[in-house]
Amino acid sequence: MSGADSPFFIFAHLRILQVPMAIVITHNPHETEALGAQLVTTLMQNQALRATSTIIALRGNLGAGKTVFVKGIAGALGVNEVITSPTYVIQKTYHTHAPVPWKRLIHIDAYRLQGEEELTTIGWDTFATDPKNLIVIEWPEQVGRGVPTQALDITINHIDESTREINMPYGDTEGSVE
C-alpha cells in the first residue's frame, strides 16, 4: 500500500484540512496498529502544557480492533510489554520509554463496569488528573459521564475480516479532564 491509500497519508492531511471528522479505512491489523501510532504523533504535535491527563475514549464491538489500535499507541510510546486487552483485570498501566510527554499509558476495559462510580474504585480520580498519563478507555459508554466530554472519541467499526472503518473526530485533541 502506498501514497493516497495509506492511512498515514489520509491522517497526515487531516491536520492541514482541519476536518471535524476523519474516517479512515484500514485493510489489515498492521494498518490499524500503525494508525494508533500515528495518533500519538498527532497528539504530541497538539500537546500544550497540560494540567490533566490525555484521554482517548475507544468505542467498537467485540473484535473490532480496539486492542490492536492500542498496541500501535503503546508502540509509539515505547512500551516494552506485550499489550493485551485488560478485560478481566479492567486496568493495566504501562511505563513509556520514548521521548513523549506521557510517562504512563493506562489502558482500561470498562466493559464489565456498571457506571461512572465504578471508575473511582480503580483510581480514576487520581490518574485522570495526572498530565503524565495517556489513558485509553475501551467501552466508555459503560461508565456514562465518567469519561469527560473533552476526551478524544474514536470509534472502530468492523467492515469484514480484515477491514476496519475508524471514525476520529479531528480538531480538538485535548482529551483533558476539567
Protein backbone atom coordinates (compact mmCIF):
# COMPACT_ATOMS: atom_id res chain seq x y z
CA MET A 1 0.00 0.00 0.00
CA SER A 2 1.34 3.40 -0.86
CA GLY A 3 0.50 7.01 -1.46
CA ALA A 4 -3.08 8.18 -1.18
CA ASP A 5 -4.36 4.77 0.01
CA SER A 6 -2.18 4.76 3.10
CA PRO A 7 -3.77 5.60 6.48
CA PHE A 8 -0.71 7.78 7.13
CA PHE A 9 -1.45 9.83 4.02
CA ILE A 10 -5.10 10.28 4.92
CA PHE A 11 -4.40 11.09 8.58
CA ALA A 12 -1.48 13.42 7.95
CA HIS A 13 -3.52 15.55 5.59
CA LEU A 14 -6.37 15.95 8.08
CA ARG A 15 -4.21 18.27 10.17
CA ILE A 16 -3.85 20.61 7.21
CA LEU A 17 -7.52 20.47 6.24
CA GLN A 18 -8.85 20.72 9.83
CA VAL A 19 -11.61 18.20 9.04
CA PRO A 20 -14.00 17.87 12.02
CA MET A 21 -14.48 14.10 11.48
CA ALA A 22 -11.91 11.82 9.89
CA ILE A 23 -12.97 8.45 8.54
CA VAL A 24 -10.01 6.17 7.91
CA ILE A 25 -10.27 2.72 6.33
CA THR A 26 -7.61 0.20 7.32
CA HIS A 27 -7.23 -3.06 5.43
CA ASN A 28 -5.43 -5.22 7.97
CA PRO A 29 -4.39 -5.23 11.64
CA HIS A 30 -0.96 -3.79 10.77
CA GLU A 31 -2.59 -0.65 9.31
CA THR A 32 -4.92 -0.34 12.32
CA GLU A 33 -1.93 -0.56 14.65
CA ALA A 34 0.00 1.94 12.51
CA LEU A 35 -2.90 4.39 12.75
CA GLY A 36 -2.77 4.13 16.55
CA ALA A 37 0.93 5.01 16.41
CA GLN A 38 0.23 7.94 14.08
CA LEU A 39 -2.34 9.25 16.57
CA VAL A 40 0.41 9.56 19.20
CA THR A 41 2.45 11.73 16.82
CA THR A 42 -0.58 13.94 16.17
CA LEU A 43 -1.38 14.23 19.87
CA MET A 44 2.21 15.24 20.59
CA GLN A 45 2.02 17.98 17.95
CA ASN A 46 -1.11 19.34 19.63
CA GLN A 47 0.09 18.78 23.19
CA ALA A 48 0.18 22.03 25.11
CA LEU A 49 1.31 22.38 28.70
CA ARG A 50 -1.44 20.42 30.40
CA ALA A 51 -2.71 20.16 33.92
CA THR A 52 -4.59 16.88 33.33
CA SER A 53 -4.25 13.57 31.54
CA THR A 54 -4.87 12.93 27.85
CA ILE A 55 -7.89 10.63 27.44
CA ILE A 56 -8.96 8.59 24.42
CA ALA A 57 -12.44 7.02 24.53
CA LEU A 58 -12.26 3.99 22.23
CA ARG A 59 -15.55 2.50 21.01
CA GLY A 60 -16.28 -0.60 18.94
CA ASN A 61 -17.92 -4.01 19.12
CA LEU A 62 -16.10 -7.11 20.33
CA GLY A 63 -13.38 -7.96 17.83
CA ALA A 64 -13.45 -4.54 16.16
CA GLY A 65 -9.73 -3.96 16.71
CA LYS A 66 -9.64 -1.73 19.77
CA THR A 67 -6.72 -3.56 21.39
CA VAL A 68 -4.85 -3.66 18.06
CA PHE A 69 -5.22 0.15 17.91
CA VAL A 70 -3.91 0.41 21.49
CA LYS A 71 -0.89 -1.75 20.51
CA GLY A 72 0.01 0.95 17.99
CA ILE A 73 -0.32 3.67 20.63
CA ALA A 74 1.82 1.63 23.02
CA GLY A 75 4.49 1.03 20.40
CA ALA A 76 4.76 4.74 19.65
CA LEU A 77 5.11 5.41 23.38
CA GLY A 78 7.99 2.94 23.66
CA VAL A 79 6.08 0.47 25.84
CA ASN A 80 8.11 -2.75 26.06
CA GLU A 81 5.42 -5.09 27.41
CA VAL A 82 3.05 -7.17 25.32
CA ILE A 83 -0.30 -5.37 25.06
CA THR A 84 -3.38 -7.47 25.75
CA SER A 85 -6.95 -6.50 26.50
CA PRO A 86 -7.44 -5.77 30.20
CA THR A 87 -10.93 -7.34 30.09
CA TYR A 88 -10.59 -9.29 33.34
CA VAL A 89 -8.22 -7.02 35.25
CA ILE A 90 -10.07 -3.90 33.99
CA GLN A 91 -6.98 -1.65 34.01
CA LYS A 92 -3.32 -2.06 33.06
CA THR A 93 -0.59 0.53 33.46
CA TYR A 94 2.45 0.54 31.19
CA HIS A 95 5.52 2.76 31.52
CA THR A 96 6.61 4.65 28.42
CA HIS A 97 10.21 4.64 27.23
CA ALA A 98 10.06 7.01 24.25
CA PRO A 99 10.64 10.79 24.31
CA VAL A 100 6.95 11.60 24.78
CA PRO A 101 5.14 13.89 27.24
CA TRP A 102 3.46 10.91 28.96
CA LYS A 103 5.20 8.64 31.45
CA ARG A 104 2.39 6.10 31.61
CA LEU A 105 -0.14 4.52 29.26
CA ILE A 106 -3.21 3.48 31.21
CA HIS A 107 -5.38 1.01 29.30
CA ILE A 108 -8.87 0.46 30.70
CA ASP A 109 -11.50 -2.00 29.51
CA ALA A 110 -14.75 -0.72 31.04
CA TYR A 111 -16.92 -3.49 29.55
CA ARG A 112 -17.61 -5.04 32.97
CA LEU A 113 -18.09 -1.74 34.82
CA GLN A 114 -21.59 -0.64 35.82
CA GLY A 115 -21.48 3.14 35.78
CA GLU A 116 -19.20 6.07 36.42
CA GLU A 117 -18.95 5.47 40.17
CA GLU A 118 -17.08 2.21 39.49
CA LEU A 119 -14.30 4.19 37.81
CA THR A 120 -13.35 5.58 41.22
CA THR A 121 -12.68 2.05 42.52
CA ILE A 122 -9.82 1.66 40.02
CA GLY A 123 -8.25 5.04 40.88
CA TRP A 124 -9.78 7.16 38.09
CA ASP A 125 -9.86 10.36 40.13
CA THR A 126 -6.09 10.14 40.64
CA PHE A 127 -4.81 9.05 37.26
CA ALA A 128 -7.30 11.05 35.15
CA THR A 129 -5.88 14.28 36.56
CA ASP A 130 -2.19 13.47 36.06
CA PRO A 131 -0.75 15.13 32.92
CA LYS A 132 1.87 12.38 32.71
CA ASN A 133 -0.85 9.84 31.84
CA LEU A 134 -2.24 8.96 28.43
CA ILE A 135 -5.42 7.00 29.12
CA VAL A 136 -7.23 4.79 26.63
CA ILE A 137 -10.61 3.59 27.84
CA GLU A 138 -12.40 0.90 25.84
CA TRP A 139 -16.18 0.69 26.19
CA PRO A 140 -16.55 4.24 27.61
CA GLU A 141 -20.33 4.01 27.23
CA GLN A 142 -20.33 1.60 30.21
CA VAL A 143 -19.32 4.40 32.58
CA GLY A 144 -21.66 7.10 31.32
CA ARG A 145 -20.49 10.58 32.21
CA GLY A 146 -17.38 9.22 33.93
CA VAL A 147 -15.39 9.93 30.77
CA PRO A 148 -15.09 13.68 30.19
CA THR A 149 -16.59 15.25 27.09
CA GLN A 150 -13.13 16.55 26.19
CA ALA A 151 -11.86 13.00 25.62
CA LEU A 152 -10.86 12.17 22.06
CA ASP A 153 -13.71 9.89 20.96
CA ILE A 154 -12.72 7.21 18.42
CA THR A 155 -15.00 4.51 17.01
CA ILE A 156 -13.77 1.39 15.21
CA ASN A 157 -16.30 -0.39 13.01
CA HIS A 158 -15.78 -3.94 11.75
CA ILE A 159 -16.34 -3.99 7.97
CA ASP A 160 -15.11 -7.52 7.17
CA GLU A 161 -12.47 -9.99 8.36
CA SER A 162 -9.61 -7.54 7.93
CA THR A 163 -11.13 -4.14 7.04
CA ARG A 164 -11.98 -1.52 9.66
CA GLU A 165 -13.58 1.91 9.45
CA ILE A 166 -12.15 4.20 12.10
CA ASN A 167 -14.04 7.41 12.91
CA MET A 168 -11.88 10.01 14.58
CA PRO A 169 -13.17 13.46 15.49
CA TYR A 170 -10.49 15.85 14.47
CA GLY A 171 -9.74 19.32 15.68
CA ASP A 172 -9.82 19.25 19.49
CA THR A 173 -7.43 16.51 20.51
CA GLU A 174 -7.11 17.90 24.01
CA GLY A 175 -8.50 14.83 25.78
CA SER A 176 -8.45 16.65 29.08
CA VAL A 177 -10.48 16.35 32.24
CA GLU A 178 -11.99 19.58 33.51
